[in-house]
Amino acid sequence: NESKTELLVIGKPLVLREFGQNQISVNFGSTEVMPTECVGDNWKSLGVKLDPALTMERQLNNVKQKSMWALTNLKRIRCYLDESLKVMLVKQLVISKLDHCNALYVCLPMKSLKKLKSVLNAGIRFIYNIDDRDVDLLEYYKKAHILPIEERISFKICLLAYKVMYSQAPPYLSELLQID
């Protein structure tokens, strides 16, 4: 559909400034497609907010904001919830947001992933009523059967690779792999 086609120009900020987005266009049928500007909610694709340098900062900030909002609402009713219900609600309302398209975070620096890690830690603290910030949360992660953020991303990539290898992935992914 020519009218819905958008051109995303992604690169390092210095290169984008030097190159200039006005110099780029693509002809699609009879329509000339110019680059869209990365402002507001533009550059949102499949629920993922992209930025011109593909640092994923807009996406990470958005996920953190929505996840913390869900946790804040859960804290209002914490006195009515038992531990198993808290685990289920955190997994459904918070961790599901962290897991959406998390394969895109595979090569991000730890500085960026700290935002998501803080959300997971807040979820664990909520489940087990932990106020002390010096407590090692690893045992609580294991108890709740929740993987830390780095392992969640690795698991998603490995699962996707497994499905592609054994023809359990959608055809458009399976066709990309040729095994001799």
Protein backbone atom coordinates (compact mmCIF):
# COMPACT_ATOMS: atom_id res chain seq x y z
CA ASN A 1 0.00 0.00 0.00
CA GLU A 2 1.78 3.09 -1.26
CA SER A 3 -0.05 5.56 0.98
CA LYS A 4 0.96 3.72 4.17
CA THR A 5 4.61 3.24 3.24
CA GLU A 6 7.11 5.03 5.46
CA LEU A 7 10.86 5.45 5.12
CA LEU A 8 12.87 5.03 8.30
CA VAL A 9 16.41 6.38 8.22
CA ILE A 10 18.46 4.94 11.06
CA GLY A 11 22.08 5.61 11.91
CA LYS A 12 24.50 7.22 14.33
CA PRO A 13 23.57 10.84 15.15
CA LEU A 14 26.73 12.27 13.57
CA VAL A 15 26.16 10.42 10.30
CA LEU A 16 22.51 11.44 10.18
CA ARG A 17 23.41 15.12 10.71
CA GLU A 18 26.08 15.02 7.99
CA PHE A 19 23.94 13.11 5.52
CA GLY A 20 20.72 15.03 6.03
CA GLN A 21 17.35 13.35 5.72
CA ASN A 22 16.16 15.72 2.99
CA GLN A 23 18.62 14.14 0.55
CA ILE A 24 16.97 10.72 0.81
CA SER A 25 13.83 9.54 -0.96
CA VAL A 26 12.53 6.29 -2.38
CA ASN A 27 10.16 5.88 -5.30
CA PHE A 28 7.51 3.28 -4.55
CA GLY A 29 5.28 2.88 -7.56
CA SER A 30 4.24 6.38 -8.54
CA THR A 31 4.72 7.72 -5.01
CA GLU A 32 7.91 9.35 -3.76
CA VAL A 33 8.45 8.35 -0.12
CA MET A 34 10.32 10.85 2.05
CA PRO A 35 11.78 10.00 5.48
CA THR A 36 9.50 10.44 8.48
CA GLU A 37 10.68 12.51 11.41
CA CYS A 38 11.26 10.83 14.74
CA VAL A 39 9.04 12.96 16.96
CA GLY A 40 6.19 12.06 19.27
CA ASP A 41 4.75 8.61 18.61
CA ASN A 42 6.10 8.42 15.05
CA TRP A 43 8.39 5.52 14.32
CA LYS A 44 6.31 3.10 16.31
CA SER A 45 6.22 -0.32 14.70
CA LEU A 46 4.47 -3.37 16.18
CA GLY A 47 4.34 -1.59 19.54
CA VAL A 48 8.07 -0.82 19.55
CA LYS A 49 9.15 2.81 19.71
CA LEU A 50 12.21 3.34 17.56
CA ASP A 51 14.67 6.23 17.64
CA PRO A 52 16.95 7.51 14.85
CA ALA A 53 20.11 5.92 16.29
CA LEU A 54 18.34 2.66 17.18
CA THR A 55 19.53 2.90 20.79
CA MET A 56 16.09 1.64 21.93
CA GLU A 57 16.00 4.34 24.64
CA ARG A 58 12.47 5.46 23.73
CA GLN A 59 11.28 1.85 23.86
CA LEU A 60 13.03 1.08 27.15
CA ASN A 61 11.68 4.24 28.79
CA ASN A 62 8.18 3.43 27.56
CA VAL A 63 8.33 -0.16 28.81
CA LYS A 64 9.68 0.93 32.18
CA GLN A 65 6.98 3.58 32.55
CA LYS A 66 4.13 1.17 31.72
CA SER A 67 5.56 -1.62 33.90
CA MET A 68 6.11 0.64 36.91
CA TRP A 69 2.58 2.00 36.50
CA ALA A 70 1.23 -1.56 36.66
CA LEU A 71 3.35 -2.27 39.75
CA THR A 72 2.15 0.93 41.43
CA ASN A 73 -1.45 -0.16 40.90
CA LEU A 74 -0.68 -3.62 42.28
CA LYS A 75 0.87 -2.08 45.40
CA ARG A 76 -2.48 -0.42 46.17
CA ILE A 77 -4.10 -3.84 46.61
CA ARG A 78 -1.11 -5.73 48.02
CA CYS A 79 -2.79 -6.35 51.39
CA TYR A 80 -5.50 -8.42 49.67
CA LEU A 81 -3.09 -10.63 47.72
CA ASP A 82 -1.24 -13.74 48.81
CA GLU A 83 2.24 -14.59 47.52
CA SER A 84 1.16 -16.93 44.70
CA LEU A 85 -1.35 -14.39 43.40
CA LYS A 86 1.33 -11.66 43.50
CA VAL A 87 3.66 -13.87 41.45
CA MET A 88 0.95 -14.53 38.88
CA LEU A 89 -0.05 -10.85 38.62
CA VAL A 90 3.54 -9.64 38.30
CA LYS A 91 4.19 -12.18 35.55
CA GLN A 92 1.01 -11.26 33.67
CA LEU A 93 0.93 -7.48 34.13
CA VAL A 94 4.59 -6.51 34.42
CA ILE A 95 6.89 -9.16 32.97
CA SER A 96 4.73 -9.59 29.87
CA LYS A 97 5.51 -5.95 29.03
CA LEU A 98 9.24 -6.57 29.52
CA ASP A 99 9.13 -9.66 27.29
CA HIS A 100 7.34 -8.00 24.36
CA CYS A 101 9.93 -7.82 21.55
CA ASN A 102 12.78 -8.23 24.05
CA ALA A 103 14.87 -9.98 21.38
CA LEU A 104 15.54 -6.46 20.09
CA TYR A 105 17.52 -5.74 23.27
CA VAL A 106 20.12 -8.46 22.59
CA CYS A 107 23.17 -6.24 22.03
CA LEU A 108 22.23 -3.27 24.17
CA PRO A 109 24.72 -2.07 26.78
CA MET A 110 24.08 -2.93 30.44
CA LYS A 111 23.51 0.77 31.09
CA SER A 112 20.35 0.58 29.00
CA LEU A 113 19.20 -2.76 30.42
CA LYS A 114 19.43 -1.41 33.98
CA LYS A 115 16.04 0.23 33.45
CA LEU A 116 14.39 -3.12 32.83
CA LYS A 117 16.41 -4.77 35.57
CA SER A 118 15.10 -2.20 38.06
CA VAL A 119 11.53 -3.04 37.04
CA LEU A 120 12.13 -6.77 37.59
CA ASN A 121 13.77 -6.08 40.95
CA ALA A 122 10.80 -3.93 41.97
CA GLY A 123 8.48 -6.78 40.99
CA ILE A 124 10.43 -9.26 43.14
CA ARG A 125 10.46 -6.83 46.07
CA PHE A 126 6.69 -6.42 45.68
CA ILE A 127 6.04 -10.17 45.64
CA TYR A 128 8.11 -10.92 48.74
CA ASN A 129 7.60 -7.61 50.62
CA ILE A 130 11.31 -6.76 50.63
CA ASP A 131 12.14 -3.22 51.70
CA ASP A 132 15.89 -3.64 52.26
CA ARG A 133 17.83 -2.68 49.10
CA ASP A 134 20.90 -4.65 50.28
CA VAL A 135 19.15 -8.02 50.01
CA ASP A 136 20.43 -10.29 47.22
CA LEU A 137 17.37 -11.00 45.07
CA LEU A 138 18.76 -14.01 43.17
CA GLU A 139 17.19 -16.55 45.54
CA TYR A 140 13.85 -14.78 45.22
CA TYR A 141 14.10 -14.86 41.43
CA LYS A 142 14.61 -18.62 41.63
CA LYS A 143 11.75 -19.05 44.10
CA ALA A 144 9.36 -17.18 41.78
CA HIS A 145 10.69 -18.98 38.66
CA ILE A 146 11.58 -15.66 37.04
CA LEU A 147 14.70 -15.20 34.92
CA PRO A 148 16.74 -11.98 35.29
CA ILE A 149 16.50 -9.63 32.31
CA GLU A 150 19.78 -10.67 30.62
CA GLU A 151 18.79 -14.34 30.77
CA ARG A 152 15.25 -13.55 29.56
CA ILE A 153 16.70 -11.96 26.42
CA SER A 154 19.11 -14.85 25.81
CA PHE A 155 16.34 -17.38 26.36
CA LYS A 156 14.09 -15.61 23.82
CA ILE A 157 16.87 -15.64 21.19
CA CYS A 158 17.71 -19.31 21.86
CA LEU A 159 14.04 -20.30 21.71
CA LEU A 160 13.60 -18.49 18.42
CA ALA A 161 16.72 -20.17 16.98
CA TYR A 162 15.48 -23.59 18.15
CA LYS A 163 12.09 -23.05 16.53
CA VAL A 164 13.71 -22.00 13.25
CA MET A 165 16.05 -25.01 13.29
CA TYR A 166 13.22 -27.48 13.87
CA SER A 167 10.63 -25.86 11.56
CA GLN A 168 8.38 -24.69 14.38
CA ALA A 169 8.79 -21.01 13.48
CA PRO A 170 6.69 -19.14 10.93
CA PRO A 171 7.68 -19.88 7.31
CA TYR A 172 9.09 -16.39 6.71
CA LEU A 173 11.74 -17.14 9.38
CA SER A 174 12.32 -20.79 8.52
CA GLU A 175 12.97 -19.90 4.88
CA LEU A 176 15.97 -17.79 5.94
CA LEU A 177 17.86 -20.86 7.21
CA GLN A 178 19.28 -23.51 4.94
CA ILE A 179 20.71 -26.65 6.57
CA ASP A 180 22.96 -28.83 4.40
